[in-house]
């Protein structure tokens, strides 16, 4: 099922390429389920990114996130998988995904995963 979820994310060209700006996306209705107990997990997924050439197409993002409803996955894994898939799809300059999971079993979890494109290494100065 995870491969099926990954295939849905689409991108569109960024018409404001060259300008550094931040995009903040929030999905307050994220659902997956615990692979250990089978209980549902509810979360708000926050995605913050600085685009380069491509933008994520929001309807495809909504469908992509909804695809996790039938996936058994741990909070840490799903947050990192969303980041990996997002970076693979739109190749941003920076991206952060936060999974803010509701309390279940008396425990609240917030998982934060980040990506920043490597800058070209500077050549050492000659002395």
C-alpha atoms as a PDB file:
ATOM      1  CA  UNK A   1       0.000   0.000   0.000  1.00  0.00           C
ATOM      2  CA  UNK A   2       2.846   2.428   0.779  1.00  0.00           C
ATOM      3  CA  UNK A   3       4.047   2.357  -2.853  1.00  0.00           C
ATOM      4  CA  UNK A   4       0.518   3.112  -4.019  1.00  0.00           C
ATOM      5  CA  UNK A   5       0.386   6.139  -1.684  1.00  0.00           C
ATOM      6  CA  UNK A   6       3.692   7.476  -3.001  1.00  0.00           C
ATOM      7  CA  UNK A   7       2.616   7.483  -6.640  1.00  0.00           C
ATOM      8  CA  UNK A   8      -0.074  10.162  -6.196  1.00  0.00           C
ATOM      9  CA  UNK A   9       2.044  13.261  -5.410  1.00  0.00           C
ATOM     10  CA  UNK A  10       2.113  15.673  -8.376  1.00  0.00           C
ATOM     11  CA  UNK A  11       3.967  18.941  -9.007  1.00  0.00           C
ATOM     12  CA  UNK A  12       3.514  22.094 -11.090  1.00  0.00           C
ATOM     13  CA  UNK A  13       6.104  24.634 -12.292  1.00  0.00           C
ATOM     14  CA  UNK A  14       6.996  27.448  -9.899  1.00  0.00           C
ATOM     15  CA  UNK A  15       6.348  30.680 -11.786  1.00  0.00           C
ATOM     16  CA  UNK A  16       8.186  32.716  -9.116  1.00  0.00           C
ATOM     17  CA  UNK A  17      11.448  30.802  -9.310  1.00  0.00           C
ATOM     18  CA  UNK A  18      14.386  32.874  -8.180  1.00  0.00           C
ATOM     19  CA  UNK A  19      12.472  34.432  -5.307  1.00  0.00           C
ATOM     20  CA  UNK A  20      12.882  32.773  -1.931  1.00  0.00           C
ATOM     21  CA  UNK A  21       9.491  32.379  -0.294  1.00  0.00           C
ATOM     22  CA  UNK A  22       7.989  29.932   2.153  1.00  0.00           C
ATOM     23  CA  UNK A  23       4.865  27.841   1.685  1.00  0.00           C
ATOM     24  CA  UNK A  24       3.026  26.528   4.768  1.00  0.00           C
ATOM     25  CA  UNK A  25       0.493  23.735   4.397  1.00  0.00           C
ATOM     26  CA  UNK A  26      -1.616  22.219   7.166  1.00  0.00           C
ATOM     27  CA  UNK A  27      -3.696  19.052   7.003  1.00  0.00           C
ATOM     28  CA  UNK A  28      -5.739  18.758  10.229  1.00  0.00           C
ATOM     29  CA  UNK A  29      -7.518  15.542   9.195  1.00  0.00           C
ATOM     30  CA  UNK A  30      -4.621  13.113   8.736  1.00  0.00           C
ATOM     31  CA  UNK A  31      -5.382   9.508   9.665  1.00  0.00           C
ATOM     32  CA  UNK A  32      -3.362   6.294   9.677  1.00  0.00           C
ATOM     33  CA  UNK A  33      -3.431   3.369  12.075  1.00  0.00           C
ATOM     34  CA  UNK A  34      -1.010   1.816  14.523  1.00  0.00           C
ATOM     35  CA  UNK A  35       0.576  -1.326  13.060  1.00  0.00           C
ATOM     36  CA  UNK A  36       0.901  -2.801  16.546  1.00  0.00           C
ATOM     37  CA  UNK A  37      -2.625  -2.274  17.930  1.00  0.00           C
ATOM     38  CA  UNK A  38      -4.683  -1.559  14.817  1.00  0.00           C
ATOM     39  CA  UNK A  39      -6.080   1.555  16.526  1.00  0.00           C
ATOM     40  CA  UNK A  40      -6.568   4.716  14.447  1.00  0.00           C
ATOM     41  CA  UNK A  41      -4.079   7.569  14.769  1.00  0.00           C
ATOM     42  CA  UNK A  42      -5.247  11.120  14.091  1.00  0.00           C
ATOM     43  CA  UNK A  43      -2.864  13.998  13.457  1.00  0.00           C
ATOM     44  CA  UNK A  44      -2.343  17.399  11.977  1.00  0.00           C
ATOM     45  CA  UNK A  45       0.424  17.305   9.396  1.00  0.00           C
ATOM     46  CA  UNK A  46       2.250  20.595   8.860  1.00  0.00           C
ATOM     47  CA  UNK A  47       4.480  21.023   5.809  1.00  0.00           C
ATOM     48  CA  UNK A  48       6.686  24.072   5.440  1.00  0.00           C
ATOM     49  CA  UNK A  49       8.900  24.420   2.376  1.00  0.00           C
ATOM     50  CA  UNK A  50      10.907  26.841   0.254  1.00  0.00           C
ATOM     51  CA  UNK A  51      10.272  25.844  -3.361  1.00  0.00           C
ATOM     52  CA  UNK A  52      12.763  25.861  -6.202  1.00  0.00           C
ATOM     53  CA  UNK A  53      11.555  24.921  -9.697  1.00  0.00           C
ATOM     54  CA  UNK A  54       8.460  22.981  -8.647  1.00  0.00           C
ATOM     55  CA  UNK A  55       5.448  23.352  -6.350  1.00  0.00           C
ATOM     56  CA  UNK A  56       3.395  20.523  -4.947  1.00  0.00           C
ATOM     57  CA  UNK A  57      -0.095  20.434  -6.432  1.00  0.00           C
ATOM     58  CA  UNK A  58      -2.439  20.699  -3.446  1.00  0.00           C
ATOM     59  CA  UNK A  59      -5.220  18.368  -4.578  1.00  0.00           C
ATOM     60  CA  UNK A  60      -2.679  15.617  -5.197  1.00  0.00           C
ATOM     61  CA  UNK A  61      -1.193  16.284  -1.745  1.00  0.00           C
ATOM     62  CA  UNK A  62      -4.651  15.923  -0.200  1.00  0.00           C
ATOM     63  CA  UNK A  63      -5.157  12.600  -2.005  1.00  0.00           C
ATOM     64  CA  UNK A  64      -1.642  11.457  -1.111  1.00  0.00           C
ATOM     65  CA  UNK A  65      -2.200  12.134   2.600  1.00  0.00           C
ATOM     66  CA  UNK A  66      -5.660  10.530   2.501  1.00  0.00           C
ATOM     67  CA  UNK A  67      -4.004   7.398   1.110  1.00  0.00           C
ATOM     68  CA  UNK A  68      -2.495   6.725   4.528  1.00  0.00           C
ATOM     69  CA  UNK A  69      -5.938   6.045   6.060  1.00  0.00           C
ATOM     70  CA  UNK A  70      -5.554   2.355   5.356  1.00  0.00           C
ATOM     71  CA  UNK A  71      -1.819   2.129   6.170  1.00  0.00           C
ATOM     72  CA  UNK A  72      -0.451   0.747   9.411  1.00  0.00           C
ATOM     73  CA  UNK A  73       2.590   2.887  10.178  1.00  0.00           C
ATOM     74  CA  UNK A  74       4.324   4.369  13.212  1.00  0.00           C
ATOM     75  CA  UNK A  75       4.242   8.152  13.787  1.00  0.00           C
ATOM     76  CA  UNK A  76       7.980   8.550  13.253  1.00  0.00           C
ATOM     77  CA  UNK A  77       7.976   6.529  10.058  1.00  0.00           C
ATOM     78  CA  UNK A  78       5.039   8.268   8.418  1.00  0.00           C
ATOM     79  CA  UNK A  79       6.403  11.739   9.182  1.00  0.00           C
ATOM     80  CA  UNK A  80       9.773  10.865   7.646  1.00  0.00           C
ATOM     81  CA  UNK A  81       8.151   9.111   4.680  1.00  0.00           C
ATOM     82  CA  UNK A  82       6.019  12.180   3.920  1.00  0.00           C
ATOM     83  CA  UNK A  83       9.182  14.308   4.011  1.00  0.00           C
ATOM     84  CA  UNK A  84      11.063  11.899   1.725  1.00  0.00           C
ATOM     85  CA  UNK A  85       8.213  11.696  -0.778  1.00  0.00           C
ATOM     86  CA  UNK A  86       7.691  15.467  -0.746  1.00  0.00           C
ATOM     87  CA  UNK A  87      11.390  16.162  -1.351  1.00  0.00           C
ATOM     88  CA  UNK A  88      11.556  13.542  -4.109  1.00  0.00           C
ATOM     89  CA  UNK A  89       8.514  15.026  -5.856  1.00  0.00           C
ATOM     90  CA  UNK A  90       9.219  18.778  -5.789  1.00  0.00           C
ATOM     91  CA  UNK A  91      12.929  19.060  -4.881  1.00  0.00           C
ATOM     92  CA  UNK A  92      12.576  22.099  -2.595  1.00  0.00           C
ATOM     93  CA  UNK A  93      15.432  24.142  -1.190  1.00  0.00           C
ATOM     94  CA  UNK A  94      14.188  23.408   2.332  1.00  0.00           C
ATOM     95  CA  UNK A  95      11.348  21.410   3.792  1.00  0.00           C
ATOM     96  CA  UNK A  96      10.059  20.539   7.239  1.00  0.00           C
ATOM     97  CA  UNK A  97       7.252  18.126   8.050  1.00  0.00           C
ATOM     98  CA  UNK A  98       5.700  18.052  11.508  1.00  0.00           C
ATOM     99  CA  UNK A  99       3.331  15.280  12.531  1.00  0.00           C
ATOM    100  CA  UNK A 100       1.319  16.504  15.520  1.00  0.00           C
ATOM    101  CA  UNK A 101      -0.470  13.334  16.641  1.00  0.00           C
ATOM    102  CA  UNK A 102      -3.466  13.359  18.979  1.00  0.00           C
ATOM    103  CA  UNK A 103      -3.303  11.733  22.383  1.00  0.00           C
ATOM    104  CA  UNK A 104      -3.794   7.978  22.317  1.00  0.00           C
ATOM    105  CA  UNK A 105      -3.202   5.736  25.307  1.00  0.00           C
ATOM    106  CA  UNK A 106      -2.236   8.760  27.389  1.00  0.00           C
ATOM    107  CA  UNK A 107       0.674   9.744  25.110  1.00  0.00           C
ATOM    108  CA  UNK A 108       0.933  12.667  22.700  1.00  0.00           C
ATOM    109  CA  UNK A 109       3.567  12.574  19.974  1.00  0.00           C
ATOM    110  CA  UNK A 110       5.012  15.376  17.861  1.00  0.00           C
ATOM    111  CA  UNK A 111       7.512  14.304  15.208  1.00  0.00           C
ATOM    112  CA  UNK A 112       9.565  16.873  13.293  1.00  0.00           C
ATOM    113  CA  UNK A 113      11.641  15.916  10.229  1.00  0.00           C
ATOM    114  CA  UNK A 114      13.627  18.399   8.147  1.00  0.00           C
ATOM    115  CA  UNK A 115      15.547  18.577   4.890  1.00  0.00           C
ATOM    116  CA  UNK A 116      17.851  21.260   3.530  1.00  0.00           C
ATOM    117  CA  UNK A 117      19.531  21.012   0.170  1.00  0.00           C
ATOM    118  CA  UNK A 118      23.302  20.849   0.466  1.00  0.00           C
ATOM    119  CA  UNK A 119      24.989  24.038  -0.533  1.00  0.00           C
ATOM    120  CA  UNK A 120      28.002  23.765  -2.764  1.00  0.00           C
ATOM    121  CA  UNK A 121      31.127  23.439  -0.699  1.00  0.00           C
ATOM    122  CA  UNK A 122      33.304  26.517  -0.781  1.00  0.00           C
ATOM    123  CA  UNK A 123      36.813  26.135  -2.029  1.00  0.00           C
ATOM    124  CA  UNK A 124      39.377  26.657   0.717  1.00  0.00           C
ATOM    125  CA  UNK A 125      41.193  29.971   0.624  1.00  0.00           C
ATOM    126  CA  UNK A 126      44.820  29.895  -0.392  1.00  0.00           C
ATOM    127  CA  UNK A 127      47.181  31.540   2.037  1.00  0.00           C
END
